[in-house]
Every structure is written in structure tokens, then in C-alpha cells.
Amino acid sequence: MRWCREAWLLSTLLLTSSGSPILGHGPVEPPPITVEGELVDLACYLAQGTRGEENAVCSSHHTSPNQPLALIADDGEIHVLYADHEGPYPYDRCRELAGRRARLTGVPAAGHGLCVLAVRKVTALDAAPEEPR
């Protein structure tokens, strides 16, 4: 996870050991990144290995919309996703696209052994599946 290591390094360089920002300028946000790949419901992917339409069907059966999502990037990296504080709509849109290809733009974050992406923009890269007649 190259971007994860870079996000960790940036946060390490910008914060003192006490967690206070260096030079008193406040927290510094890493620049957004854009990644393409397949959106998956992480619970379905990890438990059953589902991808594509199978992942979309599995995701639709959850009674809670709070299952975690991830993007399996074209390079094989798995980006765990969360709703950005600026607004949840892009993340919510990701849930609708489970099992489909998408382009995400977001802010990477790393800490406490976890690497995640705060979703700010999502674009579907494939056509919506046709509804059965």
C-alpha cells in the first residue's frame, strides 16, 4: 500500500510526538488521491470472497447500511473507505455501486495500523446492470 506508507510518513513528519502539529499551523491534510477499481461490500468480500454481481446481491441483503466498503484497486491494493466529514453522499453512493467499477477521489489517512480513504467523489466506470424483465 504505497499511498498508505506515504500518508503515514507525511503524518509522522507533520506531527510532533505529542500529536501537536508542528509550527502551530494546525493539522495538515494530505493531498487527495484518485483510484480506480471495483467497489465491494467488505463483509461479503471477506466472508464469502464475492465480487461483481455476487457482491452487489450480497450487499443488498444486509439489513444495516453500516457494513464497511472497500475499493479493490486495479493494482490489487485494497482501500478501506469511510464517509468524509465534508459530506457522506459520495460514500453513500459507493454503497449503491457495490460490485461495480468506479473511480474514487479522496483523502488517504493512516494511523493506529489502519489505512483508509475518506471518499469525496465517486464516478461509476461501467454501465448499470440491466433490470430483469
Protein backbone atom coordinates (compact mmCIF):
# COMPACT_ATOMS: atom_id res chain seq x y z
CA MET A 1 0.00 0.00 0.00
CA ARG A 2 2.27 2.70 -1.31
CA TRP A 3 -0.17 5.56 -0.63
CA CYS A 4 -0.66 4.25 2.91
CA ARG A 5 3.07 4.39 3.64
CA GLU A 6 3.23 7.88 2.13
CA ALA A 7 0.27 9.05 4.25
CA TRP A 8 1.88 7.60 7.37
CA LEU A 9 5.21 9.25 6.58
CA LEU A 10 3.55 12.61 5.93
CA SER A 11 1.59 12.46 9.18
CA THR A 12 4.75 11.47 11.07
CA LEU A 13 6.69 14.36 9.61
CA LEU A 14 3.94 16.87 10.28
CA LEU A 15 3.13 15.92 13.86
CA THR A 16 5.32 16.01 16.95
CA SER A 17 5.46 13.03 19.29
CA SER A 18 2.75 14.63 21.45
CA GLY A 19 0.38 14.75 18.48
CA SER A 20 0.50 18.53 18.22
CA PRO A 21 1.01 19.99 14.78
CA ILE A 22 4.48 21.32 14.06
CA LEU A 23 4.86 25.10 13.93
CA GLY A 24 1.34 25.65 15.30
CA HIS A 25 -0.30 25.75 11.86
CA GLY A 26 -2.97 23.17 12.71
CA PRO A 27 -3.46 19.77 11.16
CA VAL A 28 -2.24 19.37 7.60
CA GLU A 29 -4.35 17.23 5.31
CA PRO A 30 -2.57 15.08 2.73
CA PRO A 31 -3.48 15.79 -0.88
CA PRO A 32 -6.39 13.81 -2.35
CA ILE A 33 -5.67 10.76 -4.48
CA THR A 34 -7.73 9.18 -7.28
CA VAL A 35 -8.01 5.41 -7.56
CA GLU A 36 -9.91 3.14 -9.97
CA GLY A 37 -11.12 -0.35 -9.27
CA GLU A 38 -14.06 -2.43 -8.04
CA LEU A 39 -16.20 -1.33 -5.10
CA VAL A 40 -17.04 -4.15 -2.72
CA ASP A 41 -19.06 -4.63 0.43
CA LEU A 42 -16.15 -5.64 2.66
CA ALA A 43 -18.19 -8.04 4.82
CA CYS A 44 -19.31 -10.01 1.73
CA TYR A 45 -15.84 -9.93 0.17
CA LEU A 46 -14.01 -11.11 3.29
CA ALA A 47 -16.56 -13.71 4.42
CA GLN A 48 -17.52 -15.16 1.03
CA GLY A 49 -14.98 -13.86 -1.47
CA THR A 50 -17.73 -12.31 -3.59
CA ARG A 51 -17.04 -9.79 -6.31
CA GLY A 52 -19.06 -8.27 -9.14
CA GLU A 53 -22.77 -9.08 -9.26
CA GLU A 54 -22.47 -11.61 -6.40
CA ASN A 55 -21.08 -8.88 -4.16
CA ALA A 56 -23.88 -6.50 -5.16
CA VAL A 57 -26.53 -9.11 -4.33
CA CYS A 58 -24.87 -9.98 -1.01
CA SER A 59 -24.60 -6.28 -0.12
CA SER A 60 -28.28 -5.70 -0.89
CA HIS A 61 -29.27 -8.36 1.68
CA HIS A 62 -27.77 -6.53 4.65
CA THR A 63 -30.37 -5.13 6.99
CA SER A 64 -27.89 -2.49 8.16
CA PRO A 65 -26.35 0.02 5.75
CA ASN A 66 -23.35 0.29 8.08
CA GLN A 67 -21.28 -2.56 6.66
CA PRO A 68 -17.81 -1.35 5.62
CA LEU A 69 -16.92 -0.77 1.99
CA ALA A 70 -13.62 -1.08 0.14
CA LEU A 71 -12.20 -0.46 -3.30
CA ILE A 72 -10.07 -3.21 -4.83
CA ALA A 73 -7.83 -1.07 -7.00
CA ASP A 74 -6.64 -2.11 -10.43
CA ASP A 75 -3.16 -2.62 -8.95
CA GLY A 76 -4.58 -5.05 -6.34
CA GLU A 77 -4.42 -2.74 -3.33
CA ILE A 78 -7.47 -2.74 -1.08
CA HIS A 79 -8.58 0.70 0.10
CA VAL A 80 -10.94 0.65 3.10
CA LEU A 81 -13.43 3.51 2.70
CA TYR A 82 -15.22 5.87 5.06
CA ALA A 83 -17.50 8.90 4.77
CA ASP A 84 -15.65 12.20 4.61
CA HIS A 85 -16.54 14.83 7.22
CA GLU A 86 -17.38 17.24 4.39
CA GLY A 87 -20.38 15.11 3.47
CA PRO A 88 -21.49 11.48 3.37
CA TYR A 89 -23.08 11.47 -0.11
CA PRO A 90 -20.06 10.16 -2.06
CA TYR A 91 -19.63 7.30 0.42
CA ASP A 92 -23.35 6.53 0.34
CA ARG A 93 -23.13 6.45 -3.47
CA CYS A 94 -20.34 3.85 -3.17
CA ARG A 95 -22.80 1.50 -1.43
CA GLU A 96 -25.14 1.77 -4.42
CA LEU A 97 -22.24 0.79 -6.70
CA ALA A 98 -21.10 -2.32 -4.77
CA GLY A 99 -19.80 -4.90 -7.23
CA ARG A 100 -19.16 -2.31 -9.96
CA ARG A 101 -16.10 -0.46 -11.23
CA ALA A 102 -15.64 3.10 -10.08
CA ARG A 103 -13.18 5.98 -9.84
CA LEU A 104 -12.82 7.42 -6.33
CA THR A 105 -11.15 10.60 -5.19
CA GLY A 106 -10.47 11.01 -1.51
CA VAL A 107 -8.04 11.85 1.22
CA PRO A 108 -5.83 8.99 2.41
CA ALA A 109 -5.28 8.57 6.12
CA ALA A 110 -3.13 6.22 8.14
CA GLY A 111 -2.77 5.63 11.82
CA HIS A 112 -3.10 3.02 14.51
CA GLY A 113 -2.19 0.34 11.95
CA LEU A 114 -5.05 1.19 9.60
CA CYS A 115 -5.01 2.77 6.14
CA VAL A 116 -8.24 4.26 4.86
CA LEU A 117 -9.62 6.64 2.25
CA ALA A 118 -12.14 9.40 3.04
CA VAL A 119 -14.34 9.41 -0.07
CA ARG A 120 -15.01 12.83 -1.59
CA LYS A 121 -16.01 11.93 -5.15
CA VAL A 122 -17.18 8.75 -6.86
CA THR A 123 -17.84 8.08 -10.54
CA ALA A 124 -19.21 4.81 -11.94
CA LEU A 125 -16.95 3.49 -14.71
CA ASP A 126 -19.31 0.87 -16.12
CA ALA A 127 -22.93 0.84 -17.20
CA ALA A 128 -25.56 -0.05 -14.64
CA PRO A 129 -26.70 -3.67 -14.88
CA GLU A 130 -29.99 -4.11 -16.67
CA GLU A 131 -33.04 -4.84 -14.53
CA PRO A 132 -34.59 -8.28 -15.14
CA ARG A 133 -37.84 -8.09 -17.08
